[in-house]
Protein backbone atom coordinates (compact mmCIF):
# COMPACT_ATOMS: atom_id res chain seq x y z
CA MET A 1 -83.90 21.38 -18.05
CA SER A 2 -82.17 19.24 -15.45
CA ASP A 3 -83.95 18.70 -12.15
CA LYS A 4 -80.58 18.73 -10.38
CA PRO A 5 -79.97 21.88 -8.30
CA PHE A 6 -76.69 22.69 -10.09
CA THR A 7 -74.21 21.53 -12.74
CA PHE A 8 -70.67 20.64 -11.64
CA ILE A 9 -67.92 20.03 -14.21
CA CYS A 10 -64.45 19.10 -13.00
CA GLY A 11 -61.25 17.34 -13.98
CA PRO A 12 -57.46 17.50 -13.87
CA ASP A 13 -57.12 19.73 -16.95
CA ASP A 14 -58.40 23.31 -16.80
CA PHE A 15 -58.53 23.68 -20.59
CA LEU A 16 -60.82 20.70 -21.12
CA VAL A 17 -63.00 21.61 -18.15
CA ASP A 18 -63.36 25.22 -19.29
CA ARG A 19 -64.15 24.17 -22.84
CA LEU A 20 -67.02 21.95 -21.73
CA GLY A 21 -68.10 24.69 -19.32
CA LYS A 22 -68.44 27.15 -22.20
CA GLU A 23 -70.60 24.67 -24.09
CA ARG A 24 -72.90 24.13 -21.09
CA TYR A 25 -73.12 27.86 -20.37
CA ALA A 26 -74.05 28.57 -24.00
CA ALA A 27 -76.79 25.94 -23.80
CA LEU A 28 -78.13 27.34 -20.53
CA THR A 29 -78.25 30.93 -21.81
CA LYS A 30 -79.38 30.38 -25.41
CA ASP A 31 -82.99 31.37 -24.66
CA ILE A 32 -82.14 34.23 -22.27
CA ASP A 33 -81.97 37.67 -23.88
CA ASP A 34 -81.64 39.67 -20.66
CA GLU A 35 -77.90 40.16 -20.06
CA PHE A 36 -78.59 40.96 -16.40
CA SER A 37 -79.93 37.43 -15.96
CA GLN A 38 -76.52 36.00 -16.90
CA GLU A 39 -73.45 36.27 -14.69
CA VAL A 40 -69.97 34.76 -14.86
CA LEU A 41 -67.89 34.80 -11.67
CA SER A 42 -64.28 33.85 -11.09
CA GLY A 43 -63.55 31.10 -8.59
CA PHE A 44 -59.78 31.41 -8.92
CA ALA A 45 -58.16 32.02 -5.54
CA ASN A 46 -54.53 32.30 -4.45
CA ASN A 47 -55.31 32.27 -0.73
CA VAL A 48 -58.10 31.76 1.79
CA SER A 49 -59.11 35.41 1.69
CA GLU A 50 -59.73 35.18 -2.05
CA VAL A 51 -61.72 31.97 -1.54
CA GLU A 52 -63.97 33.84 0.87
CA THR A 53 -64.38 36.70 -1.61
CA ALA A 54 -65.29 34.32 -4.44
CA ILE A 55 -67.90 32.49 -2.37
CA ASN A 56 -69.39 35.76 -1.07
CA HIS A 57 -69.76 37.02 -4.65
CA PHE A 58 -71.37 33.73 -5.59
CA ARG A 59 -73.78 33.98 -2.65
CA ASP A 60 -74.82 37.50 -3.65
CA SER A 61 -75.36 36.40 -7.24
CA VAL A 62 -77.51 33.32 -6.60
CA GLN A 63 -79.62 35.22 -4.09
CA THR A 64 -80.31 38.04 -6.55
CA VAL A 65 -83.76 38.00 -8.14
CA SER A 66 -83.98 38.57 -11.88
CA MET A 67 -84.96 42.18 -12.62
CA PHE A 68 -87.49 41.20 -15.27
CA GLY A 69 -88.48 37.84 -13.84
CA GLY A 70 -87.52 34.56 -15.42
CA ARG A 71 -84.56 32.31 -14.82
CA ARG A 72 -81.05 33.48 -13.97
CA VAL A 73 -77.85 31.67 -14.99
CA VAL A 74 -74.73 31.91 -12.81
CA TRP A 75 -71.40 30.38 -13.80
CA LEU A 76 -68.69 30.09 -11.15
CA LYS A 77 -65.67 29.25 -13.29
CA ASP A 78 -61.95 28.51 -12.83
CA VAL A 79 -62.48 27.18 -9.29
CA ASN A 80 -59.08 26.04 -8.01
CA PHE A 81 -59.57 25.91 -4.24
CA LEU A 82 -60.88 22.34 -4.37
CA ALA A 83 -57.42 21.05 -5.30
CA ASP A 84 -54.92 19.26 -3.10
CA SER A 85 -53.01 22.49 -2.47
CA VAL A 86 -52.01 24.64 0.49
CA THR A 87 -55.09 26.80 0.01
CA GLY A 88 -57.33 23.82 -0.70
CA ARG A 89 -56.22 21.99 2.47
CA ALA A 90 -56.55 24.98 4.80
CA ASP A 91 -59.16 24.55 7.55
CA SER A 92 -60.64 27.94 6.73
CA THR A 93 -61.09 26.91 3.10
CA LEU A 94 -62.79 23.67 4.12
CA LYS A 95 -65.25 25.65 6.25
CA LEU A 96 -65.94 28.00 3.36
CA VAL A 97 -66.54 25.01 1.08
CA GLU A 98 -69.15 23.81 3.57
CA ASP A 99 -70.83 27.22 3.21
CA LEU A 100 -70.76 26.74 -0.57
CA LYS A 101 -72.35 23.32 -0.12
CA GLU A 102 -75.23 24.85 1.86
CA LEU A 103 -75.75 27.47 -0.83
CA LEU A 104 -75.88 24.86 -3.57
CA ALA A 105 -78.26 22.63 -1.63
CA ALA A 106 -80.72 25.51 -1.36
CA ILE A 107 -80.72 26.33 -5.09
CA ASN A 108 -84.04 26.13 -6.91
CA PRO A 109 -83.08 25.21 -10.50
CA ALA A 110 -86.37 26.62 -11.78
CA ASP A 111 -85.28 30.09 -10.63
CA THR A 112 -81.48 29.90 -10.94
CA ALA A 113 -79.30 27.66 -13.10
CA VAL A 114 -75.90 27.26 -11.47
CA LEU A 115 -72.82 26.01 -13.30
CA ILE A 116 -69.51 25.38 -11.53
CA THR A 117 -66.29 24.41 -13.31
CA ALA A 118 -63.29 23.35 -11.23
CA ALA A 119 -59.79 22.12 -12.09
CA PRO A 120 -57.91 20.46 -10.63
CA ILE A 121 -59.83 18.88 -7.75
CA ASP A 122 -59.05 16.48 -4.93
CA ARG A 123 -61.72 13.82 -5.38
CA ARG A 124 -60.90 12.33 -1.99
CA ARG A 125 -62.66 15.26 -0.33
CA ALA A 126 -66.28 15.07 0.75
CA PHE A 127 -67.43 18.03 -1.34
CA PRO A 128 -66.77 16.57 -4.82
CA LYS A 129 -68.38 13.31 -3.70
CA TRP A 130 -71.43 15.24 -2.53
CA CYS A 131 -71.56 17.11 -5.85
CA GLU A 132 -71.44 13.82 -7.73
CA LYS A 133 -74.46 12.54 -5.79
CA THR A 134 -76.43 15.78 -5.70
CA GLY A 135 -75.71 17.72 -8.87
CA ASP A 136 -75.44 17.19 -12.61
CA PHE A 137 -71.85 15.96 -12.32
CA THR A 138 -69.31 15.56 -15.14
CA LEU A 139 -65.69 14.45 -14.78
CA VAL A 140 -63.60 15.49 -17.79
CA GLY A 141 -60.50 13.46 -18.66
CA GLY A 142 -60.94 11.43 -15.53
CA GLY A 143 -57.83 9.26 -15.68
CA ASP A 144 -54.77 9.40 -13.45
CA ASP A 145 -52.48 8.38 -16.32
CA GLY A 146 -52.13 8.72 -20.07
CA ASP A 147 -55.57 7.22 -20.69
CA ALA A 148 -56.83 10.77 -20.22
CA LEU A 149 -54.50 12.14 -22.91
CA ALA A 150 -55.24 9.32 -25.32
CA GLY A 151 -58.92 9.88 -24.59
CA VAL A 152 -58.57 13.55 -25.51
CA VAL A 153 -57.02 12.61 -28.84
CA ILE A 154 -59.69 10.02 -29.66
CA ALA A 155 -62.60 12.22 -28.55
CA GLU A 156 -61.32 15.24 -30.45
CA ALA A 157 -60.73 13.19 -33.58
CA LYS A 158 -64.27 11.85 -33.33
CA ALA A 159 -65.63 15.38 -32.94
CA LEU A 160 -63.71 16.37 -36.07
CA GLU A 161 -65.12 13.30 -37.86
CA VAL A 162 -61.73 11.76 -38.58
CA SER A 163 -60.00 8.65 -37.30
CA ILE A 164 -56.46 8.43 -35.96
CA THR A 165 -54.33 5.30 -35.74
CA PRO A 166 -52.84 4.13 -32.42
CA ASP A 167 -49.30 4.76 -33.72
CA ALA A 168 -50.26 8.29 -34.73
CA THR A 169 -51.75 8.88 -31.28
CA ARG A 170 -48.56 7.67 -29.63
CA LEU A 171 -46.34 9.84 -31.80
CA LEU A 172 -48.57 12.90 -31.36
CA LEU A 173 -48.40 12.63 -27.57
CA ALA A 174 -44.65 12.03 -27.71
CA LYS A 175 -44.17 15.17 -29.80
CA ILE A 176 -46.63 17.43 -27.97
CA GLY A 177 -46.46 16.07 -24.42
CA SER A 178 -49.37 16.69 -22.06
CA ASN A 179 -50.37 20.14 -23.35
CA THR A 180 -54.04 19.55 -24.19
CA ARG A 181 -54.43 22.91 -25.90
CA LEU A 182 -51.72 22.01 -28.39
CA ILE A 183 -53.08 18.48 -28.79
CA VAL A 184 -56.47 19.87 -29.81
CA GLU A 185 -54.99 22.45 -32.19
CA GLU A 186 -52.67 19.90 -33.80
CA LEU A 187 -55.56 17.50 -34.35
CA ARG A 188 -57.55 20.24 -36.08
CA LYS A 189 -54.59 20.91 -38.36
CA LEU A 190 -54.09 17.22 -39.12
CA ALA A 191 -57.81 16.73 -39.75
CA ASN A 192 -57.74 19.51 -42.34
CA PHE A 193 -54.71 17.94 -44.02
CA VAL A 194 -55.98 14.40 -44.59
CA ASP A 195 -58.47 13.58 -47.33
CA ASP A 196 -62.08 12.67 -46.57
CA GLY A 197 -62.26 9.12 -45.27
CA GLU A 198 -58.50 8.97 -44.67
CA SER A 199 -57.12 8.23 -41.21
CA ILE A 200 -54.49 10.37 -39.52
CA GLU A 201 -51.38 8.19 -39.54
CA ASP A 202 -48.00 8.47 -37.87
CA LYS A 203 -46.46 9.64 -41.16
CA HIS A 204 -48.77 12.69 -41.09
CA VAL A 205 -47.84 13.47 -37.49
CA ALA A 206 -44.13 13.06 -38.24
CA GLU A 207 -44.38 15.45 -41.18
CA LEU A 208 -46.70 18.14 -39.80
CA THR A 209 -46.47 18.21 -36.01
CA PRO A 210 -43.68 20.23 -34.33
CA ASN A 211 -41.61 18.59 -31.62
CA VAL A 212 -42.79 20.70 -28.72
CA ALA A 213 -41.99 18.10 -26.06
CA GLU A 214 -38.31 17.76 -26.87
CA GLY A 215 -37.42 20.29 -29.55
CA ASP A 216 -36.29 19.85 -33.16
CA PHE A 217 -33.83 17.14 -32.10
CA PHE A 218 -36.73 14.82 -31.26
CA GLU A 219 -36.23 12.62 -34.32
CA SER A 220 -32.67 11.73 -33.36
CA ALA A 221 -33.75 10.61 -29.89
CA GLU A 222 -36.75 8.71 -31.26
CA ALA A 223 -34.58 6.95 -33.83
CA PHE A 224 -31.87 6.07 -31.30
CA PHE A 225 -34.27 4.47 -28.82
CA SER A 226 -36.01 2.55 -31.58
CA GLY A 227 -32.68 0.74 -32.01
CA ASP A 228 -32.54 1.63 -35.71
CA LEU A 229 -28.95 2.64 -36.49
CA LYS A 230 -29.65 3.60 -40.10
CA TRP A 231 -32.51 5.91 -39.10
CA THR A 232 -30.45 7.41 -36.28
CA LEU A 233 -27.53 8.24 -38.57
CA ALA A 234 -29.91 9.79 -41.12
CA ALA A 235 -31.61 11.85 -38.40
CA LEU A 236 -28.25 13.14 -37.19
CA GLU A 237 -27.33 14.10 -40.73
CA ARG A 238 -30.57 16.08 -41.14
CA HIS A 239 -30.11 17.76 -37.77
CA PHE A 240 -26.60 18.99 -38.47
CA PHE A 241 -27.37 19.85 -42.09
CA ALA A 242 -29.99 22.27 -40.74
CA GLY A 243 -27.36 23.91 -38.54
CA GLY A 244 -28.19 22.04 -35.34
CA ASP A 245 -25.93 21.66 -32.33
CA SER A 246 -24.92 18.49 -30.49
CA ARG A 247 -25.87 19.63 -26.98
CA PRO A 248 -29.68 19.37 -27.24
CA ILE A 249 -29.36 15.89 -28.76
CA ILE A 250 -27.14 14.66 -25.95
CA SER A 251 -29.49 16.25 -23.42
CA ALA A 252 -32.54 14.56 -24.99
CA LEU A 253 -30.76 11.20 -25.06
CA GLN A 254 -29.66 11.53 -21.44
CA ASN A 255 -33.11 12.58 -20.25
CA ARG A 256 -34.90 9.69 -21.89
CA ASN A 257 -32.21 7.16 -21.01
CA ARG A 258 -32.34 8.31 -17.39
CA ILE A 259 -36.07 7.59 -17.29
CA LEU A 260 -35.61 4.22 -18.99
CA ILE A 261 -32.98 3.21 -16.43
CA GLN A 262 -35.57 3.74 -13.70
CA VAL A 263 -38.24 1.92 -15.71
CA ARG A 264 -35.96 -1.05 -16.27
CA ALA A 265 -35.03 -1.16 -12.57
CA LEU A 266 -38.72 -1.25 -11.55
CA ILE A 267 -39.52 -3.94 -14.11
CA ASP A 268 -36.54 -6.08 -13.11
CA SER A 269 -37.56 -5.82 -9.44
CA GLY A 270 -41.10 -6.95 -10.27
CA GLU A 271 -42.65 -3.68 -9.09
CA ALA A 272 -43.91 -2.62 -12.52
CA THR A 273 -44.88 -4.11 -15.86
CA LEU A 274 -45.41 -2.73 -19.35
CA GLY A 275 -48.95 -3.00 -20.66
CA PRO A 276 -51.43 -1.32 -23.01
CA ARG A 277 -52.14 1.30 -20.33
CA GLY A 278 -48.48 2.19 -19.99
CA LEU A 279 -46.23 1.40 -17.04
CA ASN A 280 -48.46 -0.53 -14.65
CA GLY A 281 -47.51 -0.22 -10.98
CA LEU A 282 -45.81 3.18 -11.24
CA LYS A 283 -48.22 4.90 -8.87
CA GLN A 284 -48.11 2.05 -6.35
CA ALA A 285 -44.30 1.99 -6.30
CA ALA A 286 -43.92 5.75 -5.79
CA PRO A 287 -44.27 5.86 -1.95
CA ALA A 288 -41.43 3.38 -1.49
CA TYR A 289 -38.99 5.64 -3.32
CA ALA A 290 -40.30 9.09 -2.40
CA GLU A 291 -37.64 9.76 0.24
CA LYS A 292 -34.90 9.06 -2.32
CA PHE A 293 -35.97 12.20 -4.16
CA GLY A 294 -36.24 14.34 -1.00
CA GLU A 295 -37.98 17.68 -1.43
CA ALA A 296 -38.12 17.11 -5.20
CA ALA A 297 -40.37 14.05 -4.82
CA ASN A 298 -43.46 15.95 -6.01
CA GLU A 299 -41.72 18.07 -8.64
CA LYS A 300 -42.06 17.39 -12.36
CA SER A 301 -38.56 16.42 -13.46
CA ALA A 302 -36.80 14.21 -15.99
CA TYR A 303 -34.77 12.94 -13.04
CA ASN A 304 -37.87 11.58 -11.29
CA LEU A 305 -39.70 8.73 -12.99
CA PHE A 306 -42.61 9.03 -10.55
CA SER A 307 -43.38 12.57 -11.72
CA GLN A 308 -43.95 11.31 -15.26
CA ASN A 309 -47.13 10.24 -17.01
CA ALA A 310 -47.46 6.45 -16.67
CA TRP A 311 -48.97 5.98 -20.13
CA TYR A 312 -46.37 8.18 -21.83
CA VAL A 313 -43.48 6.49 -20.01
CA GLY A 314 -44.86 3.10 -20.93
CA LYS A 315 -45.03 4.07 -24.58
CA LEU A 316 -41.45 5.38 -24.49
CA ALA A 317 -40.31 2.09 -23.03
CA SER A 318 -42.35 -0.14 -25.33
CA GLY A 319 -41.65 1.70 -28.58
CA ALA A 320 -38.93 -0.91 -29.15
CA LYS A 321 -37.40 -3.69 -27.12
CA LEU A 322 -36.41 -2.15 -23.79
CA PRO A 323 -32.62 -2.52 -23.41
CA THR A 324 -31.11 -4.27 -20.43
CA LEU A 325 -30.13 -2.23 -17.40
CA ARG A 326 -26.47 -2.81 -18.26
CA ARG A 327 -26.98 -1.47 -21.78
CA LEU A 328 -28.82 1.60 -20.51
CA ILE A 329 -26.08 2.37 -18.00
CA ASP A 330 -23.47 1.93 -20.74
CA ASN A 331 -25.50 4.33 -22.90
CA GLN A 332 -25.34 6.95 -20.17
CA LYS A 333 -21.58 6.54 -19.95
CA GLU A 334 -21.32 6.92 -23.72
CA PHE A 335 -23.32 10.16 -23.61
CA VAL A 336 -20.98 11.62 -20.99
CA ALA A 337 -17.92 10.49 -22.94
CA ALA A 338 -19.30 12.04 -26.14
CA PHE A 339 -19.93 15.33 -24.37
CA GLU A 340 -16.36 15.39 -23.11
CA GLU A 341 -15.00 14.49 -26.54
CA ILE A 342 -16.97 17.28 -28.21
CA ILE A 343 -15.20 19.74 -25.92
CA GLN A 344 -11.94 18.45 -27.40
CA ARG A 345 -13.32 18.24 -30.97
CA PRO A 346 -15.80 21.14 -31.22
CA ARG A 347 -15.69 21.19 -35.03
CA GLU A 348 -16.44 17.49 -35.32
CA GLN A 349 -19.67 17.29 -33.33
CA GLU A 350 -21.58 15.29 -35.91
CA GLU A 351 -18.75 12.81 -36.29
CA VAL A 352 -18.50 12.35 -32.52
CA LEU A 353 -22.22 11.59 -32.26
CA ARG A 354 -22.16 9.27 -35.26
CA GLU A 355 -19.36 7.30 -33.63
CA MET A 356 -21.23 7.23 -30.33
CA VAL A 357 -24.55 5.96 -31.70
CA THR A 358 -22.75 3.37 -33.81
CA ARG A 359 -21.04 1.98 -30.71
CA CYS A 360 -24.29 1.97 -28.73
CA LEU A 361 -26.53 0.45 -31.38
CA SER A 362 -24.03 -2.02 -32.79
CA THR A 363 -23.52 -3.68 -29.41
CA GLY A 364 -25.52 -6.87 -29.06
């Protein structure tokens, strides 16, 4: 039993935080048969009033004496009012958090085991820092870039007693995106597929993992930006043979190319570099360009490089030699021209795209 007055688990991803919370709660309650000595409370709040309600319920619970004696276990889960949000920044919320701090400081762990799980949180605030010093503190997936996602993949693979190659990790994240639930489920599927002692390789991911991040046209975009004309033409053939349409391919190409244009501009200006951790300098460069995006500066968008995951963007850009800015701009023009030509030649969509990629990838 920990001598800390409470356990505090937090992180940017609610799924990972909740999963570890369930494990800790199970460990805390494994020797407690009295169901009245176990209580799970919701800390999810949409406004200050709901924050107050959650903390009042928590106060009542931790101050309740076990009916049959012995230790009580209280889990305040899904806490979201510690985030950098309108509710989290409200003065009334900050005062209520101070009340929560006083409650936690007075906990006797011999009488009551308290578990709090919170995601996301603003670690700049005083309360999380106090929890780190005072409680049994765990930060889950504590990176501000793709290190966290790669860490999820590696940790989950280790838990499943399989290994996964770096290329397979990259491709898995490219296909799935940042959805940790799907990452975990896909790894379980892949682990069941490979033989004992065999590593999960990119060929397994390519064959078995759906393209959630970009749709079933993912291969065409991946092939195009690898610079491999033969692969790109083959991917287009497979896409159209399966009854696919040209529009999602053009959209995927434009979206990625748009991001790469911004990446190339930052690299050429010396504000960012490509490294093993992704696009280094992305976070530092963001304030200088925030006003260019106006009200959309903090919105997740394919138009806004600074809303993207630095590790993922870096991997997109380093998957092959990053084209020059001129080439990327010419690509974008080619995509627009192909779209316009397809309007004129709707029954020749595959041929239009084959001609387009040949022009783009044959240019030195």
